Protein backbone atom coordinates (compact mmCIF):
# COMPACT_ATOMS: atom_id res chain seq x y z
CA MET A 1 -3.25 3.72 3.14
CA ILE A 2 -3.80 2.47 7.12
CA PHE A 3 -2.93 -1.38 7.15
CA HIS A 4 -4.19 -3.01 9.87
CA GLY A 5 -2.43 -6.75 10.23
CA SER A 6 -0.64 -8.46 7.32
CA ILE A 7 -0.72 -7.89 4.40
CA ARG A 8 1.16 -11.14 3.09
CA ASN A 9 -2.12 -11.53 0.45
CA LEU A 10 -1.08 -8.28 -1.72
CA MET A 11 2.10 -10.20 -2.59
CA TYR A 12 -0.89 -12.68 -4.73
CA GLU A 13 -1.87 -11.97 -8.13
CA THR A 14 -5.54 -12.67 -6.55
CA GLY A 15 -5.05 -11.33 -3.03
CA MET A 16 -3.49 -7.77 -5.02
CA SER A 17 -7.10 -7.69 -7.69
CA CYS A 18 -9.26 -8.25 -4.43
CA TYR A 19 -7.86 -5.47 -3.18
CA LEU A 20 -7.98 -2.75 -6.31
CA TYR A 21 -11.57 -4.58 -7.11
CA ALA A 22 -12.34 -2.81 -3.52
CA ARG A 23 -10.79 0.38 -4.71
CA GLY A 24 -12.54 0.92 -8.18
CA VAL A 25 -9.39 0.77 -9.90
CA LEU A 26 -9.60 -1.39 -12.80
CA LEU A 27 -5.75 -2.74 -14.14
CA LYS A 28 -5.48 -0.99 -17.15
CA GLU A 29 -5.62 2.13 -14.42
CA PHE A 30 -3.00 0.66 -11.83
CA ASN A 31 -0.32 2.71 -13.39
CA GLN A 32 -2.01 6.20 -12.64
CA PHE A 33 -2.71 4.17 -9.18
CA ALA A 34 0.46 2.78 -8.11
CA PRO A 35 2.75 5.61 -7.80
CA HIS A 36 0.72 7.54 -5.60
CA TYR A 37 -0.59 5.24 -3.07
CA SER A 38 2.87 3.96 -3.20
CA ALA A 39 4.32 7.38 -2.53
CA GLN A 40 1.44 7.52 0.12
CA LEU A 41 2.67 4.61 1.99
CA LYS A 42 6.38 5.52 2.53
CA ILE A 43 5.21 8.46 3.85
CA GLN A 44 2.77 6.74 6.74
CA THR A 45 5.45 4.03 7.38
CA GLN A 46 8.40 6.93 7.45
CA LYS A 47 5.77 8.79 10.13
CA MET A 48 5.38 6.11 11.75
CA SER A 49 9.25 4.08 12.21
CA LEU A 50 10.49 8.07 13.45
CA ASP A 51 6.94 8.34 16.00
CA GLN A 52 7.91 5.33 17.59
CA GLY A 53 12.34 6.47 17.44
CA ARG A 54 13.08 3.95 15.03
CA GLU A 55 14.60 4.03 11.89
CA PHE A 56 13.95 3.90 8.43
CA ILE A 57 15.50 2.22 5.91
């Protein structure tokens, strides 16, 4: 996943609902969706951090 700008909208129910709707993910499918994309987000964030010479915590 690539986020541009702020992801604060995902902190709120409406923002997350809109995001999931845009991705075609039903709420009942969230348990299968979340782990895969969370792992992708962590990998990309770690890569960006290391590319910039920053520590990844």
